[in-house]
Amino acid sequence: MDETSDVINAVREIAGLVDVMLVMGARNSSNSNRLHELTEKVGVKAYLIDDTSMIEAGWKV
């Protein structure tokens, strides 16, 4: 199994346990954007944030 498959499988496993996923990373990071995209692709709402100050009170976290 390659690294990409490992990441996809990990996202799927975590997605089955949560309602929302916070992906912390830079908006210009291809890895962060890919994680965000994969999470939403498996049906879990995801937010790409730079740090904890970006968490909004209305989010279901």
PDB file of N, CA and C in Angstrom:
ATOM      1  N   MET A   1       0.851  -1.181   0.000  1.00  0.00           N
ATOM      2  CA  MET A   1       0.000   0.000   0.000  1.00  0.00           C
ATOM      3  C   MET A   1       0.892   1.238   0.000  1.00  0.00           C
ATOM      4  N   ASP A   2       0.534   2.215  -0.807  1.00  0.00           N
ATOM      5  CA  ASP A   2       1.353   3.423  -0.857  1.00  0.00           C
ATOM      6  C   ASP A   2       0.862   4.466   0.141  1.00  0.00           C
ATOM      7  N   GLU A   3       1.632   5.523   0.271  1.00  0.00           N
ATOM      8  CA  GLU A   3       1.321   6.567   1.251  1.00  0.00           C
ATOM      9  C   GLU A   3      -0.052   7.188   0.996  1.00  0.00           C
ATOM     10  N   THR A   4      -0.398   7.423  -0.273  1.00  0.00           N
ATOM     11  CA  THR A   4      -1.697   8.019  -0.607  1.00  0.00           C
ATOM     12  C   THR A   4      -2.832   7.116  -0.141  1.00  0.00           C
ATOM     13  N   SER A   5      -2.711   5.829  -0.378  1.00  0.00           N
ATOM     14  CA  SER A   5      -3.738   4.882   0.074  1.00  0.00           C
ATOM     15  C   SER A   5      -3.851   4.886   1.589  1.00  0.00           C
ATOM     16  N   ASP A   6      -2.728   4.979   2.268  1.00  0.00           N
ATOM     17  CA  ASP A   6      -2.735   5.033   3.731  1.00  0.00           C
ATOM     18  C   ASP A   6      -3.504   6.247   4.229  1.00  0.00           C
ATOM     19  N   VAL A   7      -3.281   7.392   3.593  1.00  0.00           N
ATOM     20  CA  VAL A   7      -3.965   8.627   3.991  1.00  0.00           C
ATOM     21  C   VAL A   7      -5.462   8.505   3.731  1.00  0.00           C
ATOM     22  N   ILE A   8      -5.823   8.016   2.560  1.00  0.00           N
ATOM     23  CA  ILE A   8      -7.245   7.852   2.224  1.00  0.00           C
ATOM     24  C   ILE A   8      -7.915   6.911   3.218  1.00  0.00           C
ATOM     25  N   ASN A   9      -7.275   5.815   3.529  1.00  0.00           N
ATOM     26  CA  ASN A   9      -7.846   4.858   4.488  1.00  0.00           C
ATOM     27  C   ASN A   9      -7.966   5.465   5.877  1.00  0.00           C
ATOM     28  N   ALA A  10      -6.985   6.236   6.288  1.00  0.00           N
ATOM     29  CA  ALA A  10      -7.032   6.889   7.600  1.00  0.00           C
ATOM     30  C   ALA A  10      -8.177   7.897   7.658  1.00  0.00           C
ATOM     31  N   VAL A  11      -8.352   8.679   6.592  1.00  0.00           N
ATOM     32  CA  VAL A  11      -9.448   9.657   6.548  1.00  0.00           C
ATOM     33  C   VAL A  11     -10.788   8.931   6.616  1.00  0.00           C
ATOM     34  N   ARG A  12     -10.932   7.863   5.880  1.00  0.00           N
ATOM     35  CA  ARG A  12     -12.190   7.091   5.916  1.00  0.00           C
ATOM     36  C   ARG A  12     -12.466   6.546   7.319  1.00  0.00           C
ATOM     37  N   GLU A  13     -11.433   6.041   7.962  1.00  0.00           N
ATOM     38  CA  GLU A  13     -11.604   5.487   9.303  1.00  0.00           C
ATOM     39  C   GLU A  13     -12.021   6.565  10.300  1.00  0.00           C
ATOM     40  N   ILE A  14     -11.340   7.687  10.262  1.00  0.00           N
ATOM     41  CA  ILE A  14     -11.669   8.789  11.175  1.00  0.00           C
ATOM     42  C   ILE A  14     -13.053   9.349  10.852  1.00  0.00           C
ATOM     43  N   ALA A  15     -13.366   9.463   9.578  1.00  0.00           N
ATOM     44  CA  ALA A  15     -14.653  10.031   9.154  1.00  0.00           C
ATOM     45  C   ALA A  15     -15.824   9.239   9.708  1.00  0.00           C
ATOM     46  N   GLY A  16     -15.627   7.958   9.905  1.00  0.00           N
ATOM     47  CA  GLY A  16     -16.690   7.135  10.471  1.00  0.00           C
ATOM     48  C   GLY A  16     -16.941   7.392  11.946  1.00  0.00           C
ATOM     49  N   LEU A  17     -16.070   8.150  12.570  1.00  0.00           N
ATOM     50  CA  LEU A  17     -16.166   8.397  14.005  1.00  0.00           C
ATOM     51  C   LEU A  17     -16.555   9.824  14.369  1.00  0.00           C
ATOM     52  N   VAL A  18     -16.558  10.726  13.393  1.00  0.00           N
ATOM     53  CA  VAL A  18     -16.773  12.145  13.695  1.00  0.00           C
ATOM     54  C   VAL A  18     -17.857  12.759  12.813  1.00  0.00           C
ATOM     55  N   ASP A  19     -18.389  13.888  13.262  1.00  0.00           N
ATOM     56  CA  ASP A  19     -19.358  14.648  12.471  1.00  0.00           C
ATOM     57  C   ASP A  19     -18.684  15.748  11.671  1.00  0.00           C
ATOM     58  N   VAL A  20     -17.574  16.260  12.203  1.00  0.00           N
ATOM     59  CA  VAL A  20     -16.845  17.376  11.602  1.00  0.00           C
ATOM     60  C   VAL A  20     -15.358  17.108  11.764  1.00  0.00           C
ATOM     61  N   MET A  21     -14.586  17.498  10.752  1.00  0.00           N
ATOM     62  CA  MET A  21     -13.136  17.361  10.876  1.00  0.00           C
ATOM     63  C   MET A  21     -12.482  18.711  10.653  1.00  0.00           C
ATOM     64  N   LEU A  22     -11.561  19.064  11.539  1.00  0.00           N
ATOM     65  CA  LEU A  22     -10.772  20.275  11.390  1.00  0.00           C
ATOM     66  C   LEU A  22      -9.415  19.889  10.830  1.00  0.00           C
ATOM     67  N   VAL A  23      -9.084  20.445   9.679  1.00  0.00           N
ATOM     68  CA  VAL A  23      -7.787  20.203   9.059  1.00  0.00           C
ATOM     69  C   VAL A  23      -6.949  21.446   9.302  1.00  0.00           C
ATOM     70  N   MET A  24      -5.927  21.316  10.114  1.00  0.00           N
ATOM     71  CA  MET A  24      -5.096  22.469  10.440  1.00  0.00           C
ATOM     72  C   MET A  24      -3.879  22.483   9.527  1.00  0.00           C
ATOM     73  N   GLY A  25      -3.787  23.544   8.734  1.00  0.00           N
ATOM     74  CA  GLY A  25      -2.668  23.684   7.810  1.00  0.00           C
ATOM     75  C   GLY A  25      -2.842  24.919   6.951  1.00  0.00           C
ATOM     76  N   ALA A  26      -1.824  25.258   6.242  1.00  0.00           N
ATOM     77  CA  ALA A  26      -1.851  26.457   5.402  1.00  0.00           C
ATOM     78  C   ALA A  26      -2.749  26.241   4.187  1.00  0.00           C
ATOM     79  N   ARG A  27      -3.463  27.281   3.795  1.00  0.00           N
ATOM     80  CA  ARG A  27      -4.343  27.209   2.632  1.00  0.00           C
ATOM     81  C   ARG A  27      -3.580  26.937   1.340  1.00  0.00           C
ATOM     82  N   ASN A  28      -2.307  27.271   1.308  1.00  0.00           N
ATOM     83  CA  ASN A  28      -1.520  27.035   0.097  1.00  0.00           C
ATOM     84  C   ASN A  28      -0.764  25.702   0.153  1.00  0.00           C
ATOM     85  N   SER A  29      -1.070  24.883   1.150  1.00  0.00           N
ATOM     86  CA  SER A  29      -0.428  23.569   1.295  1.00  0.00           C
ATOM     87  C   SER A  29      -1.228  22.526   0.520  1.00  0.00           C
ATOM     88  N   SER A  30      -0.569  21.866  -0.417  1.00  0.00           N
ATOM     89  CA  SER A  30      -1.266  20.837  -1.192  1.00  0.00           C
ATOM     90  C   SER A  30      -1.701  19.688  -0.291  1.00  0.00           C
ATOM     91  N   ASN A  31      -0.921  19.353   0.720  1.00  0.00           N
ATOM     92  CA  ASN A  31      -1.301  18.275   1.644  1.00  0.00           C
ATOM     93  C   ASN A  31      -2.546  18.636   2.447  1.00  0.00           C
ATOM     94  N   SER A  32      -2.603  19.854   2.955  1.00  0.00           N
ATOM     95  CA  SER A  32      -3.770  20.298   3.726  1.00  0.00           C
ATOM     96  C   SER A  32      -5.007  20.330   2.853  1.00  0.00           C
ATOM     97  N   ASN A  33      -4.862  20.853   1.658  1.00  0.00           N
ATOM     98  CA  ASN A  33      -6.000  20.915   0.741  1.00  0.00           C
ATOM     99  C   ASN A  33      -6.479  19.524   0.344  1.00  0.00           C
ATOM    100  N   ARG A  34      -5.564  18.606   0.160  1.00  0.00           N
ATOM    101  CA  ARG A  34      -5.930  17.231  -0.194  1.00  0.00           C
ATOM    102  C   ARG A  34      -6.674  16.559   0.951  1.00  0.00           C
ATOM    103  N   LEU A  35      -6.202  16.743   2.179  1.00  0.00           N
ATOM    104  CA  LEU A  35      -6.897  16.185   3.339  1.00  0.00           C
ATOM    105  C   LEU A  35      -8.311  16.748   3.459  1.00  0.00           C
ATOM    106  N   HIS A  36      -8.437  18.050   3.266  1.00  0.00           N
ATOM    107  CA  HIS A  36      -9.744  18.709   3.313  1.00  0.00           C
ATOM    108  C   HIS A  36     -10.665  18.123   2.245  1.00  0.00           C
ATOM    109  N   GLU A  37     -10.156  18.007   1.040  1.00  0.00           N
ATOM    110  CA  GLU A  37     -10.928  17.468  -0.078  1.00  0.00           C
ATOM    111  C   GLU A  37     -11.346  16.015   0.177  1.00  0.00           C
ATOM    112  N   LEU A  38     -10.431  15.194   0.635  1.00  0.00           N
ATOM    113  CA  LEU A  38     -10.737  13.787   0.907  1.00  0.00           C
ATOM    114  C   LEU A  38     -11.797  13.642   1.985  1.00  0.00           C
ATOM    115  N   THR A  39     -11.699  14.454   3.016  1.00  0.00           N
ATOM    116  CA  THR A  39     -12.659  14.382   4.110  1.00  0.00           C
ATOM    117  C   THR A  39     -14.064  14.691   3.622  1.00  0.00           C
ATOM    118  N   GLU A  40     -14.199  15.744   2.836  1.00  0.00           N
ATOM    119  CA  GLU A  40     -15.515  16.090   2.316  1.00  0.00           C
ATOM    120  C   GLU A  40     -15.995  15.046   1.309  1.00  0.00           C
ATOM    121  N   LYS A  41     -15.085  14.444   0.580  1.00  0.00           N
ATOM    122  CA  LYS A  41     -15.444  13.420  -0.407  1.00  0.00           C
ATOM    123  C   LYS A  41     -16.052  12.192   0.267  1.00  0.00           C
ATOM    124  N   VAL A  42     -15.630  11.868   1.475  1.00  0.00           N
ATOM    125  CA  VAL A  42     -16.200  10.722   2.187  1.00  0.00           C
ATOM    126  C   VAL A  42     -17.438  11.113   2.999  1.00  0.00           C
ATOM    127  N   GLY A  43     -17.873  12.355   2.875  1.00  0.00           N
ATOM    128  CA  GLY A  43     -19.146  12.766   3.454  1.00  0.00           C
ATOM    129  C   GLY A  43     -19.110  13.429   4.811  1.00  0.00           C
ATOM    130  N   VAL A  44     -17.961  13.916   5.221  1.00  0.00           N
ATOM    131  CA  VAL A  44     -17.856  14.597   6.509  1.00  0.00           C
ATOM    132  C   VAL A  44     -17.506  16.064   6.255  1.00  0.00           C
ATOM    133  N   LYS A  45     -18.217  16.965   6.913  1.00  0.00           N
ATOM    134  CA  LYS A  45     -17.921  18.390   6.794  1.00  0.00           C
ATOM    135  C   LYS A  45     -16.525  18.646   7.336  1.00  0.00           C
ATOM    136  N   ALA A  46     -15.731  19.384   6.566  1.00  0.00           N
ATOM    137  CA  ALA A  46     -14.360  19.679   6.984  1.00  0.00           C
ATOM    138  C   ALA A  46     -14.097  21.173   6.876  1.00  0.00           C
ATOM    139  N   TYR A  47     -13.303  21.668   7.781  1.00  0.00           N
ATOM    140  CA  TYR A  47     -12.869  23.059   7.769  1.00  0.00           C
ATOM    141  C   TYR A  47     -11.357  23.091   7.712  1.00  0.00           C
ATOM    142  N   LEU A  48     -10.815  23.861   6.790  1.00  0.00           N
ATOM    143  CA  LEU A  48      -9.368  24.051   6.687  1.00  0.00           C
ATOM    144  C   LEU A  48      -9.036  25.325   7.445  1.00  0.00           C
ATOM    145  N   ILE A  49      -8.270  25.178   8.517  1.00  0.00           N
ATOM    146  CA  ILE A  49      -7.954  26.320   9.367  1.00  0.00           C
ATOM    147  C   ILE A  49      -6.443  26.445   9.544  1.00  0.00           C
ATOM    148  N   ASP A  50      -6.001  27.674   9.793  1.00  0.00           N
ATOM    149  CA  ASP A  50      -4.578  27.929  10.028  1.00  0.00           C
ATOM    150  C   ASP A  50      -4.183  27.640  11.474  1.00  0.00           C
ATOM    151  N   ASP A  51      -5.102  27.946  12.396  1.00  0.00           N
ATOM    152  CA  ASP A  51      -4.842  27.716  13.824  1.00  0.00           C
ATOM    153  C   ASP A  51      -6.170  27.736  14.576  1.00  0.00           C
ATOM    154  N   THR A  52      -6.122  27.468  15.865  1.00  0.00           N
ATOM    155  CA  THR A  52      -7.352  27.356  16.648  1.00  0.00           C
ATOM    156  C   THR A  52      -8.156  28.648  16.736  1.00  0.00           C
ATOM    157  N   SER A  53      -7.537  29.780  16.480  1.00  0.00           N
ATOM    158  CA  SER A  53      -8.275  31.046  16.544  1.00  0.00           C
ATOM    159  C   SER A  53      -9.325  31.139  15.431  1.00  0.00           C
ATOM    160  N   MET A  54      -9.230  30.285  14.441  1.00  0.00           N
ATOM    161  CA  MET A  54     -10.174  30.314  13.322  1.00  0.00           C
ATOM    162  C   MET A  54     -11.435  29.478  13.578  1.00  0.00           C
ATOM    163  N   ILE A  55     -11.473  28.750  14.688  1.00  0.00           N
ATOM    164  CA  ILE A  55     -12.647  27.939  15.008  1.00  0.00           C
ATOM    165  C   ILE A  55     -13.795  28.874  15.372  1.00  0.00           C
ATOM    166  N   GLU A  56     -14.936  28.655  14.738  1.00  0.00           N
ATOM    167  CA  GLU A  56     -16.102  29.512  14.976  1.00  0.00           C
ATOM    168  C   GLU A  56     -17.070  28.823  15.928  1.00  0.00           C
ATOM    169  N   ALA A  57     -17.696  29.609  16.777  1.00  0.00           N
ATOM    170  CA  ALA A  57     -18.594  29.089  17.818  1.00  0.00           C
ATOM    171  C   ALA A  57     -19.761  28.285  17.228  1.00  0.00           C
ATOM    172  N   GLY A  58     -20.227  28.645  16.049  1.00  0.00           N
ATOM    173  CA  GLY A  58     -21.381  27.976  15.451  1.00  0.00           C
ATOM    174  C   GLY A  58     -21.075  26.638  14.805  1.00  0.00           C
ATOM    175  N   TRP A  59     -19.818  26.276  14.682  1.00  0.00           N
ATOM    176  CA  TRP A  59     -19.456  24.998  14.074  1.00  0.00           C
ATOM    177  C   TRP A  59     -19.804  23.880  15.025  1.00  0.00           C
ATOM    178  N   LYS A  60     -20.247  22.796  14.480  1.00  0.00           N
ATOM    179  CA  LYS A  60     -20.565  21.608  15.270  1.00  0.00           C
ATOM    180  C   LYS A  60     -19.280  20.830  15.469  1.00  0.00           C
ATOM    181  N   VAL A  61     -18.549  21.186  16.531  1.00  0.00           N
ATOM    182  CA  VAL A  61     -17.282  20.499  16.814  1.00  0.00           C
ATOM    183  C   VAL A  61     -17.269  19.945  18.218  1.00  0.00           C
TER     184      VAL A  61
END
